[in-house]
PDB file of all heavy atoms in Angstrom:
ATOM      1  N   ILE A   1     146.666  12.791  30.055  1.00  0.00           N
ATOM      2  CA  ILE A   1     147.865  12.224  29.495  1.00  0.00           C
ATOM      3  C   ILE A   1     148.069  12.848  28.118  1.00  0.00           C
ATOM      4  O   ILE A   1     147.166  12.933  27.332  1.00  0.00           O
ATOM      5  CB  ILE A   1     147.750  10.699  29.326  1.00  0.00           C
ATOM      6  CG1 ILE A   1     147.543   9.971  30.665  1.00  0.00           C
ATOM      7  CG2 ILE A   1     148.952  10.100  28.603  1.00  0.00           C
ATOM      8  CD1 ILE A   1     147.116   8.540  30.540  1.00  0.00           C
ATOM      9  N   VAL A   2     149.306  13.318  27.904  1.00  0.00           N
ATOM     10  CA  VAL A   2     149.575  14.074  26.662  1.00  0.00           C
ATOM     11  C   VAL A   2     150.892  13.488  26.052  1.00  0.00           C
ATOM     12  O   VAL A   2     151.832  13.255  26.792  1.00  0.00           O
ATOM     13  CB  VAL A   2     149.761  15.583  26.913  1.00  0.00           C
ATOM     14  CG1 VAL A   2     150.353  16.255  25.726  1.00  0.00           C
ATOM     15  CG2 VAL A   2     148.407  16.202  27.280  1.00  0.00           C
ATOM     16  N   VAL A   3     150.907  13.346  24.739  1.00  0.00           N
ATOM     17  CA  VAL A   3     152.092  12.906  24.021  1.00  0.00           C
ATOM     18  C   VAL A   3     152.291  13.922  22.855  1.00  0.00           C
ATOM     19  O   VAL A   3     151.326  14.329  22.219  1.00  0.00           O
ATOM     20  CB  VAL A   3     151.963  11.484  23.432  1.00  0.00           C
ATOM     21  CG1 VAL A   3     153.300  11.118  22.753  1.00  0.00           C
ATOM     22  CG2 VAL A   3     151.657  10.468  24.594  1.00  0.00           C
ATOM     23  N   ALA A   4     153.556  14.302  22.616  1.00  0.00           N
ATOM     24  CA  ALA A   4     153.872  15.230  21.517  1.00  0.00           C
ATOM     25  C   ALA A   4     155.280  14.898  21.024  1.00  0.00           C
ATOM     26  O   ALA A   4     156.045  14.215  21.657  1.00  0.00           O
ATOM     27  CB  ALA A   4     153.742  16.648  21.930  1.00  0.00           C
ATOM     28  N   SER A   5     155.595  15.449  19.855  1.00  0.00           N
ATOM     29  CA  SER A   5     156.924  15.241  19.270  1.00  0.00           C
ATOM     30  C   SER A   5     157.993  16.052  19.978  1.00  0.00           C
ATOM     31  O   SER A   5     159.168  15.726  19.849  1.00  0.00           O
ATOM     32  CB  SER A   5     156.904  15.592  17.803  1.00  0.00           C
ATOM     33  OG  SER A   5     156.097  14.730  17.079  1.00  0.00           O
ATOM     34  N   GLU A   6     157.600  17.079  20.750  1.00  0.00           N
ATOM     35  CA  GLU A   6     158.607  17.913  21.349  1.00  0.00           C
ATOM     36  C   GLU A   6     158.223  18.230  22.793  1.00  0.00           C
ATOM     37  O   GLU A   6     157.032  18.476  23.136  1.00  0.00           O
ATOM     38  CB  GLU A   6     158.702  19.243  20.529  1.00  0.00           C
ATOM     39  CG  GLU A   6     159.103  18.997  19.085  1.00  0.00           C
ATOM     40  CD  GLU A   6     159.523  20.285  18.353  1.00  0.00           C
ATOM     41  OE1 GLU A   6     160.067  21.169  19.037  1.00  0.00           O
ATOM     42  OE2 GLU A   6     159.372  20.300  17.118  1.00  0.00           O
ATOM     43  N   ARG A   7     159.190  18.279  23.629  1.00  0.00           N
ATOM     44  CA  ARG A   7     159.023  18.499  25.079  1.00  0.00           C
ATOM     45  C   ARG A   7     158.538  19.871  25.440  1.00  0.00           C
ATOM     46  O   ARG A   7     157.566  20.033  26.169  1.00  0.00           O
ATOM     47  CB  ARG A   7     160.325  18.150  25.845  1.00  0.00           C
ATOM     48  CG  ARG A   7     160.262  18.391  27.303  1.00  0.00           C
ATOM     49  CD  ARG A   7     161.411  17.788  28.044  1.00  0.00           C
ATOM     50  NE  ARG A   7     162.706  18.293  27.551  1.00  0.00           N
ATOM     51  CZ  ARG A   7     163.878  17.875  27.969  1.00  0.00           C
ATOM     52  NH1 ARG A   7     163.943  16.858  28.854  1.00  0.00           N
ATOM     53  NH2 ARG A   7     165.018  18.351  27.465  1.00  0.00           N
ATOM     54  N   PRO A   8     159.128  20.988  24.947  1.00  0.00           N
ATOM     55  CA  PRO A   8     158.745  22.293  25.407  1.00  0.00           C
ATOM     56  C   PRO A   8     157.305  22.616  25.034  1.00  0.00           C
ATOM     57  O   PRO A   8     156.688  23.491  25.665  1.00  0.00           O
ATOM     58  CB  PRO A   8     159.693  23.229  24.734  1.00  0.00           C
ATOM     59  CG  PRO A   8     160.305  22.472  23.590  1.00  0.00           C
ATOM     60  CD  PRO A   8     160.291  21.032  24.022  1.00  0.00           C
ATOM     61  N   VAL A   9     156.774  22.017  24.019  1.00  0.00           N
ATOM     62  CA  VAL A   9     155.377  22.212  23.642  1.00  0.00           C
ATOM     63  C   VAL A   9     154.447  21.793  24.811  1.00  0.00           C
ATOM     64  O   VAL A   9     153.525  22.526  25.185  1.00  0.00           O
ATOM     65  CB  VAL A   9     155.047  21.376  22.354  1.00  0.00           C
ATOM     66  CG1 VAL A   9     153.553  21.418  22.112  1.00  0.00           C
ATOM     67  CG2 VAL A   9     155.773  21.946  21.167  1.00  0.00           C
ATOM     68  N   ILE A  10     154.741  20.619  25.362  1.00  0.00           N
ATOM     69  CA  ILE A  10     153.935  20.141  26.486  1.00  0.00           C
ATOM     70  C   ILE A  10     154.165  21.020  27.722  1.00  0.00           C
ATOM     71  O   ILE A  10     153.208  21.352  28.431  1.00  0.00           O
ATOM     72  CB  ILE A  10     154.323  18.656  26.823  1.00  0.00           C
ATOM     73  CG1 ILE A  10     154.049  17.753  25.591  1.00  0.00           C
ATOM     74  CG2 ILE A  10     153.583  18.174  28.061  1.00  0.00           C
ATOM     75  CD1 ILE A  10     154.524  16.322  25.801  1.00  0.00           C
ATOM     76  N   GLN A  11     155.397  21.429  27.935  1.00  0.00           N
ATOM     77  CA  GLN A  11     155.726  22.275  29.069  1.00  0.00           C
ATOM     78  C   GLN A  11     154.944  23.585  29.047  1.00  0.00           C
ATOM     79  O   GLN A  11     154.339  24.008  30.053  1.00  0.00           O
ATOM     80  CB  GLN A  11     157.199  22.621  29.103  1.00  0.00           C
ATOM     81  CG  GLN A  11     158.101  21.487  29.554  1.00  0.00           C
ATOM     82  CD  GLN A  11     159.555  21.944  29.624  1.00  0.00           C
ATOM     83  OE1 GLN A  11     160.336  21.489  28.822  1.00  0.00           O
ATOM     84  NE2 GLN A  11     159.838  22.816  30.536  1.00  0.00           N
ATOM     85  N   THR A  12     154.917  24.204  27.892  1.00  0.00           N
ATOM     86  CA  THR A  12     154.260  25.492  27.776  1.00  0.00           C
ATOM     87  C   THR A  12     152.768  25.417  27.913  1.00  0.00           C
ATOM     88  O   THR A  12     152.164  26.206  28.627  1.00  0.00           O
ATOM     89  CB  THR A  12     154.615  26.120  26.345  1.00  0.00           C
ATOM     90  OG1 THR A  12     156.038  26.315  26.270  1.00  0.00           O
ATOM     91  CG2 THR A  12     153.935  27.470  26.181  1.00  0.00           C
ATOM     92  N   ILE A  13     152.134  24.413  27.256  1.00  0.00           N
ATOM     93  CA  ILE A  13     150.717  24.301  27.244  1.00  0.00           C
ATOM     94  C   ILE A  13     150.155  23.878  28.626  1.00  0.00           C
ATOM     95  O   ILE A  13     149.125  24.392  29.088  1.00  0.00           O
ATOM     96  CB  ILE A  13     150.266  23.357  26.143  1.00  0.00           C
ATOM     97  CG1 ILE A  13     150.607  23.935  24.785  1.00  0.00           C
ATOM     98  CG2 ILE A  13     148.793  23.036  26.268  1.00  0.00           C
ATOM     99  CD1 ILE A  13     150.503  22.970  23.611  1.00  0.00           C
ATOM    100  N   LEU A  14     150.858  22.968  29.266  1.00  0.00           N
ATOM    101  CA  LEU A  14     150.374  22.471  30.560  1.00  0.00           C
ATOM    102  C   LEU A  14     151.038  23.107  31.746  1.00  0.00           C
ATOM    103  O   LEU A  14     150.713  22.802  32.914  1.00  0.00           O
ATOM    104  CB  LEU A  14     150.545  20.948  30.625  1.00  0.00           C
ATOM    105  CG  LEU A  14     149.771  20.148  29.572  1.00  0.00           C
ATOM    106  CD1 LEU A  14     150.047  18.624  29.787  1.00  0.00           C
ATOM    107  CD2 LEU A  14     148.333  20.424  29.589  1.00  0.00           C
ATOM    108  N   ASP A  15     152.012  24.005  31.471  1.00  0.00           N
ATOM    109  CA  ASP A  15     152.703  24.749  32.538  1.00  0.00           C
ATOM    110  C   ASP A  15     153.308  23.744  33.523  1.00  0.00           C
ATOM    111  O   ASP A  15     153.042  23.809  34.722  1.00  0.00           O
ATOM    112  CB  ASP A  15     151.751  25.683  33.273  1.00  0.00           C
ATOM    113  CG  ASP A  15     152.526  26.633  34.213  1.00  0.00           C
ATOM    114  OD1 ASP A  15     153.728  26.806  34.016  1.00  0.00           O
ATOM    115  OD2 ASP A  15     151.861  27.173  35.117  1.00  0.00           O
ATOM    116  N   VAL A  16     154.181  22.896  33.021  1.00  0.00           N
ATOM    117  CA  VAL A  16     154.861  21.893  33.871  1.00  0.00           C
ATOM    118  C   VAL A  16     156.340  22.054  33.680  1.00  0.00           C
ATOM    119  O   VAL A  16     156.829  22.599  32.706  1.00  0.00           O
ATOM    120  CB  VAL A  16     154.431  20.471  33.531  1.00  0.00           C
ATOM    121  CG1 VAL A  16     152.937  20.252  33.869  1.00  0.00           C
ATOM    122  CG2 VAL A  16     154.636  20.121  32.064  1.00  0.00           C
ATOM    123  N   LYS A  17     157.105  21.516  34.650  1.00  0.00           N
ATOM    124  CA  LYS A  17     158.537  21.643  34.606  1.00  0.00           C
ATOM    125  C   LYS A  17     159.177  20.642  33.606  1.00  0.00           C
ATOM    126  O   LYS A  17     158.567  19.634  33.281  1.00  0.00           O
ATOM    127  CB  LYS A  17     159.151  21.461  35.987  1.00  0.00           C
ATOM    128  CG  LYS A  17     158.648  22.533  36.983  1.00  0.00           C
ATOM    129  CD  LYS A  17     159.316  22.303  38.360  1.00  0.00           C
ATOM    130  CE  LYS A  17     158.814  23.355  39.345  1.00  0.00           C
ATOM    131  NZ  LYS A  17     159.081  24.723  38.909  1.00  0.00           N
ATOM    132  N   THR A  18     160.413  20.934  33.243  1.00  0.00           N
ATOM    133  CA  THR A  18     161.129  20.080  32.294  1.00  0.00           C
ATOM    134  C   THR A  18     161.176  18.630  32.725  1.00  0.00           C
ATOM    135  O   THR A  18     160.869  17.748  31.938  1.00  0.00           O
ATOM    136  CB  THR A  18     162.595  20.597  32.083  1.00  0.00           C
ATOM    137  OG1 THR A  18     162.551  21.911  31.588  1.00  0.00           O
ATOM    138  CG2 THR A  18     163.350  19.723  31.110  1.00  0.00           C
ATOM    139  N   ASP A  19     161.520  18.408  33.971  1.00  0.00           N
ATOM    140  CA  ASP A  19     161.696  17.043  34.473  1.00  0.00           C
ATOM    141  C   ASP A  19     160.324  16.283  34.635  1.00  0.00           C
ATOM    142  O   ASP A  19     160.391  15.026  34.793  1.00  0.00           O
ATOM    143  CB  ASP A  19     162.428  17.025  35.782  1.00  0.00           C
ATOM    144  CG  ASP A  19     163.831  17.514  35.687  1.00  0.00           C
ATOM    145  OD1 ASP A  19     164.351  17.480  34.571  1.00  0.00           O
ATOM    146  OD2 ASP A  19     164.380  17.994  36.675  1.00  0.00           O
ATOM    147  N   GLN A  20     159.249  16.971  34.500  1.00  0.00           N
ATOM    148  CA  GLN A  20     157.938  16.290  34.576  1.00  0.00           C
ATOM    149  C   GLN A  20     157.549  15.660  33.224  1.00  0.00           C
ATOM    150  O   GLN A  20     156.628  14.890  33.156  1.00  0.00           O
ATOM    151  CB  GLN A  20     156.883  17.270  35.037  1.00  0.00           C
ATOM    152  CG  GLN A  20     157.007  17.709  36.473  1.00  0.00           C
ATOM    153  CD  GLN A  20     155.982  18.720  36.874  1.00  0.00           C
ATOM    154  OE1 GLN A  20     156.084  19.930  36.597  1.00  0.00           O
ATOM    155  NE2 GLN A  20     154.896  18.261  37.472  1.00  0.00           N
ATOM    156  N   VAL A  21     158.171  16.165  32.175  1.00  0.00           N
ATOM    157  CA  VAL A  21     157.914  15.638  30.838  1.00  0.00           C
ATOM    158  C   VAL A  21     158.985  14.614  30.511  1.00  0.00           C
ATOM    159  O   VAL A  21     160.155  14.937  30.511  1.00  0.00           O
ATOM    160  CB  VAL A  21     157.910  16.746  29.776  1.00  0.00           C
ATOM    161  CG1 VAL A  21     157.572  16.190  28.411  1.00  0.00           C
ATOM    162  CG2 VAL A  21     156.925  17.868  30.143  1.00  0.00           C
ATOM    163  N   ARG A  22     158.516  13.384  30.247  1.00  0.00           N
ATOM    164  CA  ARG A  22     159.478  12.305  30.033  1.00  0.00           C
ATOM    165  C   ARG A  22     159.583  11.922  28.570  1.00  0.00           C
ATOM    166  O   ARG A  22     158.606  12.129  27.775  1.00  0.00           O
ATOM    167  CB  ARG A  22     159.075  11.094  30.849  1.00  0.00           C
ATOM    168  CG  ARG A  22     159.000  11.364  32.360  1.00  0.00           C
ATOM    169  CD  ARG A  22     158.704  10.104  33.132  1.00  0.00           C
ATOM    170  NE  ARG A  22     159.724   9.085  32.958  1.00  0.00           N
ATOM    171  CZ  ARG A  22     159.635   7.849  33.396  1.00  0.00           C
ATOM    172  NH1 ARG A  22     158.540   7.477  34.055  1.00  0.00           N
ATOM    173  NH2 ARG A  22     160.620   6.985  33.195  1.00  0.00           N
ATOM    174  N   GLU A  23     160.724  11.395  28.182  1.00  0.00           N
ATOM    175  CA  GLU A  23     160.911  10.949  26.812  1.00  0.00           C
ATOM    176  C   GLU A  23     160.555   9.456  26.711  1.00  0.00           C
ATOM    177  O   GLU A  23     160.933   8.645  27.570  1.00  0.00           O
ATOM    178  CB  GLU A  23     162.365  11.141  26.405  1.00  0.00           C
ATOM    179  CG  GLU A  23     162.609  10.791  24.922  1.00  0.00           C
ATOM    180  CD  GLU A  23     164.031  11.165  24.452  1.00  0.00           C
ATOM    181  OE1 GLU A  23     164.867  11.519  25.305  1.00  0.00           O
ATOM    182  OE2 GLU A  23     164.268  11.017  23.279  1.00  0.00           O
ATOM    183  N   LEU A  24     159.776   9.128  25.659  1.00  0.00           N
ATOM    184  CA  LEU A  24     159.443   7.759  25.420  1.00  0.00           C
ATOM    185  C   LEU A  24     160.760   7.075  24.892  1.00  0.00           C
ATOM    186  O   LEU A  24     161.400   7.595  23.982  1.00  0.00           O
ATOM    187  CB  LEU A  24     158.355   7.627  24.344  1.00  0.00           C
ATOM    188  CG  LEU A  24     157.732   6.265  24.142  1.00  0.00           C
ATOM    189  CD1 LEU A  24     156.938   5.842  25.390  1.00  0.00           C
ATOM    190  CD2 LEU A  24     156.820   6.275  22.918  1.00  0.00           C
ATOM    191  N   MET A  25     161.116   6.006  25.512  1.00  0.00           N
ATOM    192  CA  MET A  25     162.397   5.364  25.184  1.00  0.00           C
ATOM    193  C   MET A  25     162.369   4.588  23.907  1.00  0.00           C
ATOM    194  O   MET A  25     161.285   4.243  23.414  1.00  0.00           O
ATOM    195  CB  MET A  25     162.870   4.458  26.348  1.00  0.00           C
ATOM    196  CG  MET A  25     163.145   5.223  27.634  1.00  0.00           C
ATOM    197  SD  MET A  25     164.581   6.298  27.551  1.00  0.00           S
ATOM    198  CE  MET A  25     163.881   7.891  27.288  1.00  0.00           C
ATOM    199  N   ALA A  26     163.530   4.290  23.350  1.00  0.00           N
ATOM    200  CA  ALA A  26     163.627   3.514  22.092  1.00  0.00           C
ATOM    201  C   ALA A  26     163.009   2.116  22.297  1.00  0.00           C
ATOM    202  O   ALA A  26     163.277   1.443  23.307  1.00  0.00           O
ATOM    203  CB  ALA A  26     165.097   3.391  21.707  1.00  0.00           C
ATOM    204  N   GLY A  27     162.125   1.763  21.356  1.00  0.00           N
ATOM    205  CA  GLY A  27     161.451   0.440  21.450  1.00  0.00           C
ATOM    206  C   GLY A  27     160.361   0.376  22.450  1.00  0.00           C
ATOM    207  O   GLY A  27     159.799  -0.705  22.641  1.00  0.00           O
ATOM    208  N   GLU A  28     159.998   1.477  23.044  1.00  0.00           N
ATOM    209  CA  GLU A  28     158.994   1.510  24.121  1.00  0.00           C
ATOM    210  C   GLU A  28     157.647   1.970  23.568  1.00  0.00           C
ATOM    211  O   GLU A  28     157.569   2.771  22.634  1.00  0.00           O
ATOM    212  CB  GLU A  28     159.466   2.451  25.210  1.00  0.00           C
ATOM    213  CG  GLU A  28     158.650   2.378  26.516  1.00  0.00           C
ATOM    214  CD  GLU A  28     159.263   3.242  27.616  1.00  0.00           C
ATOM    215  OE1 GLU A  28     159.509   4.431  27.344  1.00  0.00           O
ATOM    216  OE2 GLU A  28     159.501   2.705  28.742  1.00  0.00           O
ATOM    217  N   SER A  29     156.585   1.496  24.177  1.00  0.00           N
ATOM    218  CA  SER A  29     155.237   1.910  23.778  1.00  0.00           C
ATOM    219  C   SER A  29     154.488   2.360  25.055  1.00  0.00           C
ATOM    220  O   SER A  29     154.559   1.730  26.119  1.00  0.00           O
ATOM    221  CB  SER A  29     154.464   0.757  23.176  1.00  0.00           C
ATOM    222  OG  SER A  29     153.176   1.218  22.751  1.00  0.00           O
ATOM    223  N   LEU A  30     153.867   3.504  24.899  1.00  0.00           N
ATOM    224  CA  LEU A  30     152.927   3.988  25.930  1.00  0.00           C
ATOM    225  C   LEU A  30     151.549   3.565  25.565  1.00  0.00           C
ATOM    226  O   LEU A  30     151.066   3.811  24.439  1.00  0.00           O
ATOM    227  CB  LEU A  30     153.010   5.525  26.004  1.00  0.00           C
ATOM    228  CG  LEU A  30     152.124   6.267  27.039  1.00  0.00           C
ATOM    229  CD1 LEU A  30     152.810   7.539  27.483  1.00  0.00           C
ATOM    230  CD2 LEU A  30     150.730   6.567  26.524  1.00  0.00           C
ATOM    231  N   ILE A  31     150.896   2.868  26.468  1.00  0.00           N
ATOM    232  CA  ILE A  31     149.553   2.303  26.190  1.00  0.00           C
ATOM    233  C   ILE A  31     148.561   2.748  27.242  1.00  0.00           C
ATOM    234  O   ILE A  31     148.831   2.717  28.432  1.00  0.00           O
ATOM    235  CB  ILE A  31     149.599   0.767  26.115  1.00  0.00           C
ATOM    236  CG1 ILE A  31     150.525   0.317  24.971  1.00  0.00           C
ATOM    237  CG2 ILE A  31     148.193   0.186  25.969  1.00  0.00           C
ATOM    238  CD1 ILE A  31     150.729  -1.156  24.900  1.00  0.00           C
ATOM    239  N   VAL A  32     147.409   3.240  26.738  1.00  0.00           N
ATOM    240  CA  VAL A  32     146.349   3.685  27.648  1.00  0.00           C
ATOM    241  C   VAL A  32     145.109   2.841  27.411  1.00  0.00           C
ATOM    242  O   VAL A  32     144.621   2.837  26.233  1.00  0.00           O
ATOM    243  CB  VAL A  32     146.058   5.186  27.526  1.00  0.00           C
ATOM    244  CG1 VAL A  32     145.060   5.626  28.609  1.00  0.00           C
ATOM    245  CG2 VAL A  32     147.323   6.022  27.603  1.00  0.00           C
ATOM    246  N   LYS A  33     144.585   2.204  28.400  1.00  0.00           N
ATOM    247  CA  LYS A  33     143.394   1.410  28.264  1.00  0.00           C
ATOM    248  C   LYS A  33     142.156   2.309  28.359  1.00  0.00           C
ATOM    249  O   LYS A  33     142.214   3.472  28.752  1.00  0.00           O
ATOM    250  CB  LYS A  33     143.277   0.312  29.332  1.00  0.00           C
ATOM    251  CG  LYS A  33     144.363  -0.797  29.191  1.00  0.00           C
ATOM    252  CD  LYS A  33     144.158  -1.577  27.929  1.00  0.00           C
ATOM    253  CE  LYS A  33     142.839  -2.419  27.940  1.00  0.00           C
ATOM    254  NZ  LYS A  33     142.641  -3.131  26.651  1.00  0.00           N
ATOM    255  N   LYS A  34     141.019   1.704  28.042  1.00  0.00           N
ATOM    256  CA  LYS A  34     139.757   2.493  28.090  1.00  0.00           C
ATOM    257  C   LYS A  34     139.478   3.062  29.445  1.00  0.00           C
ATOM    258  O   LYS A  34     138.915   4.163  29.595  1.00  0.00           O
ATOM    259  CB  LYS A  34     138.596   1.573  27.649  1.00  0.00           C
ATOM    260  CG  LYS A  34     137.269   2.313  27.615  1.00  0.00           C
ATOM    261  CD  LYS A  34     136.139   1.385  27.150  1.00  0.00           C
ATOM    262  CE  LYS A  34     134.806   2.123  27.132  1.00  0.00           C
ATOM    263  NZ  LYS A  34     133.692   1.263  26.679  1.00  0.00           N
ATOM    264  N   ASP A  35     139.889   2.358  30.496  1.00  0.00           N
ATOM    265  CA  ASP A  35     139.667   2.861  31.868  1.00  0.00           C
ATOM    266  C   ASP A  35     140.664   3.901  32.277  1.00  0.00           C
ATOM    267  O   ASP A  35     140.601   4.395  33.414  1.00  0.00           O
ATOM    268  CB  ASP A  35     139.679   1.691  32.851  1.00  0.00           C
ATOM    269  CG  ASP A  35     141.066   0.947  32.891  1.00  0.00           C
ATOM    270  OD1 ASP A  35     142.016   1.412  32.268  1.00  0.00           O
ATOM    271  OD2 ASP A  35     141.133  -0.078  33.593  1.00  0.00           O
TER     272      ASP A  35
END
């Protein structure tokens, strides 16, 4: 799981398509548990 301030940064490093990188929506939180 990767989060960054800019989409193309993730695309380039992980070699993924534009539509595979999603924008965190306004007021939304991405949460990852220990598991």
